[in-house]
Every structure is written in C-alpha cells, then in structure tokens.
Protein backbone atom coordinates (compact mmCIF):
# COMPACT_ATOMS: atom_id res chain seq x y z
CA MET A 1 92.74 -11.48 14.97
CA CYS A 2 95.52 -9.29 13.63
CA VAL A 3 98.80 -10.91 12.58
CA ASN A 4 101.91 -8.82 12.87
CA PRO A 5 103.60 -8.78 9.43
CA ILE A 6 107.03 -8.22 11.01
CA SER A 7 106.77 -11.36 13.14
CA LYS A 8 105.54 -13.29 10.09
CA LEU A 9 108.56 -12.06 8.13
CA ASN A 10 110.94 -12.96 10.99
CA ASN A 11 109.45 -16.45 11.25
CA GLY A 12 110.01 -16.94 7.53
CA LEU A 13 113.61 -15.75 7.76
CA LEU A 14 114.28 -17.93 10.78
CA SER A 15 112.97 -21.02 9.05
CA GLN A 16 115.20 -20.27 6.06
CA THR A 17 118.30 -19.83 8.22
CA LYS A 18 117.60 -23.09 10.02
CA ARG A 19 117.37 -24.84 6.66
CA LEU A 20 120.58 -23.34 5.29
CA PRO A 21 123.01 -25.74 7.00
CA MET A 22 121.01 -28.70 5.69
CA GLN A 23 121.17 -27.31 2.16
CA LYS A 24 124.95 -27.03 2.50
CA ILE A 25 125.22 -30.64 3.62
CA GLU A 26 123.05 -31.75 0.71
CA LYS A 27 125.18 -29.73 -1.72
CA VAL A 28 128.35 -31.26 -0.28
CA TYR A 29 126.79 -34.71 -0.64
CA TYR A 30 125.80 -34.15 -4.26
CA GLY A 31 129.11 -32.46 -5.06
CA SER A 32 131.05 -35.35 -3.54
CA ALA A 33 128.94 -37.88 -5.42
CA ILE A 34 129.56 -36.06 -8.70
CA VAL A 35 133.32 -35.78 -8.10
CA PHE A 36 133.53 -39.44 -7.06
CA SER A 37 131.48 -40.50 -10.09
CA LEU A 38 133.69 -38.56 -12.49
CA MET A 39 136.86 -39.91 -10.88
CA LEU A 40 135.71 -43.54 -10.96
CA SER A 41 134.29 -43.16 -14.47
CA GLY A 42 137.69 -41.94 -15.64
CA VAL A 43 139.37 -45.03 -14.19
CA LEU A 44 136.77 -47.28 -15.81
CA TYR A 45 137.20 -45.50 -19.14
CA ARG A 46 140.93 -46.11 -18.87
CA ILE A 47 140.30 -49.83 -18.37
CA PHE A 48 137.88 -50.17 -21.27
CA SER A 49 139.96 -48.09 -23.67
CA ILE A 50 143.26 -49.88 -23.00
CA LEU A 51 141.71 -53.34 -23.31
CA GLU A 52 140.02 -52.48 -26.61
CA THR A 53 142.93 -50.65 -28.26
CA PHE A 54 146.24 -51.86 -26.91
CA GLU A 55 149.73 -51.58 -28.35
CA SER A 56 151.36 -54.24 -26.21
CA ILE A 57 149.80 -57.00 -24.16
CA GLU A 58 152.06 -56.27 -21.17
CA THR A 59 151.08 -52.60 -21.07
CA ALA A 60 147.39 -53.45 -21.32
CA GLN A 61 147.69 -55.97 -18.49
CA PHE A 62 149.63 -53.51 -16.32
CA VAL A 63 147.11 -50.71 -16.86
CA TYR A 64 144.18 -53.05 -16.21
CA HIS A 65 145.61 -54.42 -12.96
CA GLU A 66 146.68 -50.96 -11.79
CA SER A 67 143.26 -49.45 -12.54
CA ALA A 68 141.38 -52.42 -11.10
CA SER A 69 143.31 -52.11 -7.84
CA ILE A 70 142.45 -48.40 -7.69
CA LEU A 71 138.77 -49.26 -8.13
CA THR A 72 138.99 -52.02 -5.52
CA TYR A 73 139.86 -49.45 -2.86
CA ALA A 74 138.26 -46.28 -4.25
CA VAL A 75 134.69 -47.54 -4.68
CA PRO A 76 134.26 -48.68 -1.04
CA ALA A 77 136.07 -45.57 0.23
CA CYS A 78 133.74 -43.28 -1.74
CA PHE A 79 130.76 -45.33 -0.53
CA ILE A 80 131.85 -44.88 3.11
CA VAL A 81 132.20 -41.12 2.66
CA LEU A 82 128.75 -40.90 1.07
CA MET A 83 127.29 -43.04 3.86
CA LEU A 84 128.78 -40.68 6.46
CA PHE A 85 127.08 -37.76 4.73
CA SER A 86 123.87 -39.81 4.57
CA ASN A 87 124.05 -40.37 8.31
CA VAL A 88 124.49 -36.65 8.98
CA VAL A 89 121.58 -35.73 6.73
CA PHE A 90 119.37 -38.41 8.27
CA ILE A 91 120.18 -37.37 11.84
CA LYS A 92 119.46 -33.71 11.07
CA SER A 93 116.43 -34.05 8.80
CA GLY A 94 115.19 -37.63 8.78
CA GLN A 95 115.62 -37.95 5.00
CA GLY A 96 116.53 -41.52 4.18
CA ARG A 97 116.84 -41.10 0.43
CA TYR A 98 120.56 -40.41 0.71
CA PHE A 99 121.09 -43.98 1.92
CA ILE A 100 119.46 -45.18 -1.30
CA PHE A 101 121.62 -42.84 -3.40
CA SER A 102 124.78 -44.04 -1.62
CA TYR A 103 123.87 -47.68 -2.14
CA LEU A 104 123.02 -47.13 -5.81
CA PHE A 105 126.38 -45.39 -6.25
CA PHE A 106 128.18 -48.38 -4.75
CA ALA A 107 126.14 -50.93 -6.68
CA ALA A 108 126.60 -49.17 -10.02
CA PHE A 109 130.36 -48.85 -9.76
CA THR A 110 130.79 -52.31 -8.29
CA ILE A 111 128.83 -53.87 -11.14
CA LEU A 112 130.74 -51.79 -13.69
CA ASP A 113 134.02 -52.86 -12.10
CA TYR A 114 133.43 -56.52 -11.32
CA VAL A 115 131.00 -57.46 -14.07
CA LEU A 116 131.71 -55.29 -17.12
CA ALA A 117 135.41 -54.52 -16.63
CA GLY A 118 136.08 -58.05 -15.44
CA GLU A 119 134.29 -59.50 -18.44
CA THR A 120 136.17 -57.14 -20.76
CA TYR A 121 139.46 -58.36 -19.29
CA PHE A 122 138.30 -61.96 -19.62
CA ASP A 123 137.56 -61.34 -23.33
CA PHE A 124 140.94 -59.60 -23.68
CA THR A 125 142.73 -62.69 -22.39
CA LYS A 126 140.81 -64.86 -24.88
CA ARG A 127 141.63 -62.55 -27.83
CA THR A 128 145.33 -62.36 -27.00
CA GLY A 129 145.85 -66.04 -26.31
CA LEU A 130 146.48 -65.57 -22.59
CA TRP A 131 143.40 -67.51 -21.63
CA SER A 132 144.26 -70.84 -20.08
CA GLY A 133 140.74 -72.17 -19.73
CA GLY A 134 138.22 -71.80 -16.96
CA PHE A 135 135.66 -69.14 -16.28
CA SER A 136 135.43 -65.87 -14.40
CA ILE A 137 133.50 -65.55 -11.14
CA MET A 138 134.10 -61.81 -10.88
CA GLY A 139 130.46 -61.09 -11.66
CA LEU A 140 129.29 -63.27 -8.77
CA ALA A 141 131.80 -61.61 -6.45
CA GLY A 142 130.48 -58.19 -7.49
CA LEU A 143 126.88 -59.20 -6.88
CA PHE A 144 127.84 -60.62 -3.49
CA LEU A 145 129.51 -57.31 -2.56
CA CYS A 146 126.36 -55.45 -3.64
CA PHE A 147 124.27 -57.72 -1.42
CA VAL A 148 126.58 -57.15 1.57
CA ALA A 149 126.50 -53.38 0.98
CA PHE A 150 122.70 -53.49 0.82
CA ILE A 151 122.50 -55.33 4.14
CA LEU A 152 124.93 -52.89 5.78
CA THR A 153 123.07 -49.86 4.38
CA LEU A 154 119.72 -51.22 5.53
CA ALA A 155 121.11 -52.03 9.00
CA ASN A 156 122.60 -48.55 9.26
CA TYR A 157 119.29 -46.94 8.29
CA LEU A 158 117.25 -49.11 10.68
CA ILE A 159 119.59 -48.45 13.61
CA LEU A 160 119.55 -44.69 13.03
CA SER A 161 115.80 -44.72 12.48
CA THR A 162 115.28 -46.52 15.79
CA LEU A 163 117.63 -44.16 17.60
CA ARG A 164 115.90 -41.18 16.04
CA LYS A 165 112.47 -42.42 17.12
CA THR A 166 113.65 -42.93 20.69
CA LYS A 167 115.33 -39.49 20.62
CA ILE A 168 118.75 -40.83 21.61
CA THR A 169 120.52 -39.09 18.72
C-alpha cells in the first residue's frame, strides 16, 4: 500500500494547527500564574520587610493592614481567573492538571498570607508592646479556606468531567 507523502504532510500540519489554540491558552494560563505570583509575592515581601524593619509602629501597622487587605481580595480573585482558564483547558483538551495548579496557587498564597504573614504580625505586636494577650487563629482560618477551595475545585472538576463524559459540553 502506497501512502501519499503530501497527505501525510497535510495531516501533520492540520494536527499542529488544531493544537495551536490550546498552546495559546496554556501559555496565557502560565503567564497569568507567573504575573499573579510575582504581584502577590511583592505584596507579601512588603509585609515581611515592614514588620521586620520598621521606623514607626503606626506606619508598620498601616502598611500591614493595607497589604493584608490587598491579599484578602487579590488571592481569591487570581484563583478564580486561574480556575476559569482551567475550565477552558479542561473542556477543550480534558487536561485536569490545571485544576491542581490553580488549587496549589491558592493554597500557597493563602498559607503565606494567613499563616506566615499573620504570625509575623502577631510577633510584631508582641515585640512592640501592642499585644494585649490571647492567641491568633489566622492559621486555622487559612487552613479552613484551603479546605473550602479544595472542595470547590474538586466539585468543579467532577462536574466538568461528568459533563464531558456525557458530551453535554
């Protein structure tokens, strides 16, 4: 049986052009994740640096609360954007690894924010005499948020997986 080399070449080119949009989506996903990571890392660096080397207690508190409020809204917003990209990639290609990446992104920055930055602020209040007793439950709140995000990510994946198997999407 003779195989036409032109048709073989065309089939190879067609498969590459069908894959191109998926590669663009993956690049946008990774690019967004990198930009989000750099942005959030900068905010976290600002928190850690001001609490370790502060000139005035009021300035350090202001910067901490301002940066913490940015993280409170930015981390879930970035997570939602990454999950939307994960949904698009999964619908088009069936690759579920982007759900894992999105969750790990959320979990890492939530733990850095609620556990490490919160603990650093707690230590700051002890060092400066602002501590009025008690303990911080920020770490538990962060772990709870990670658990909720895991459940939502898993539910999202299972729903899309079921829809994909039944060919509704």
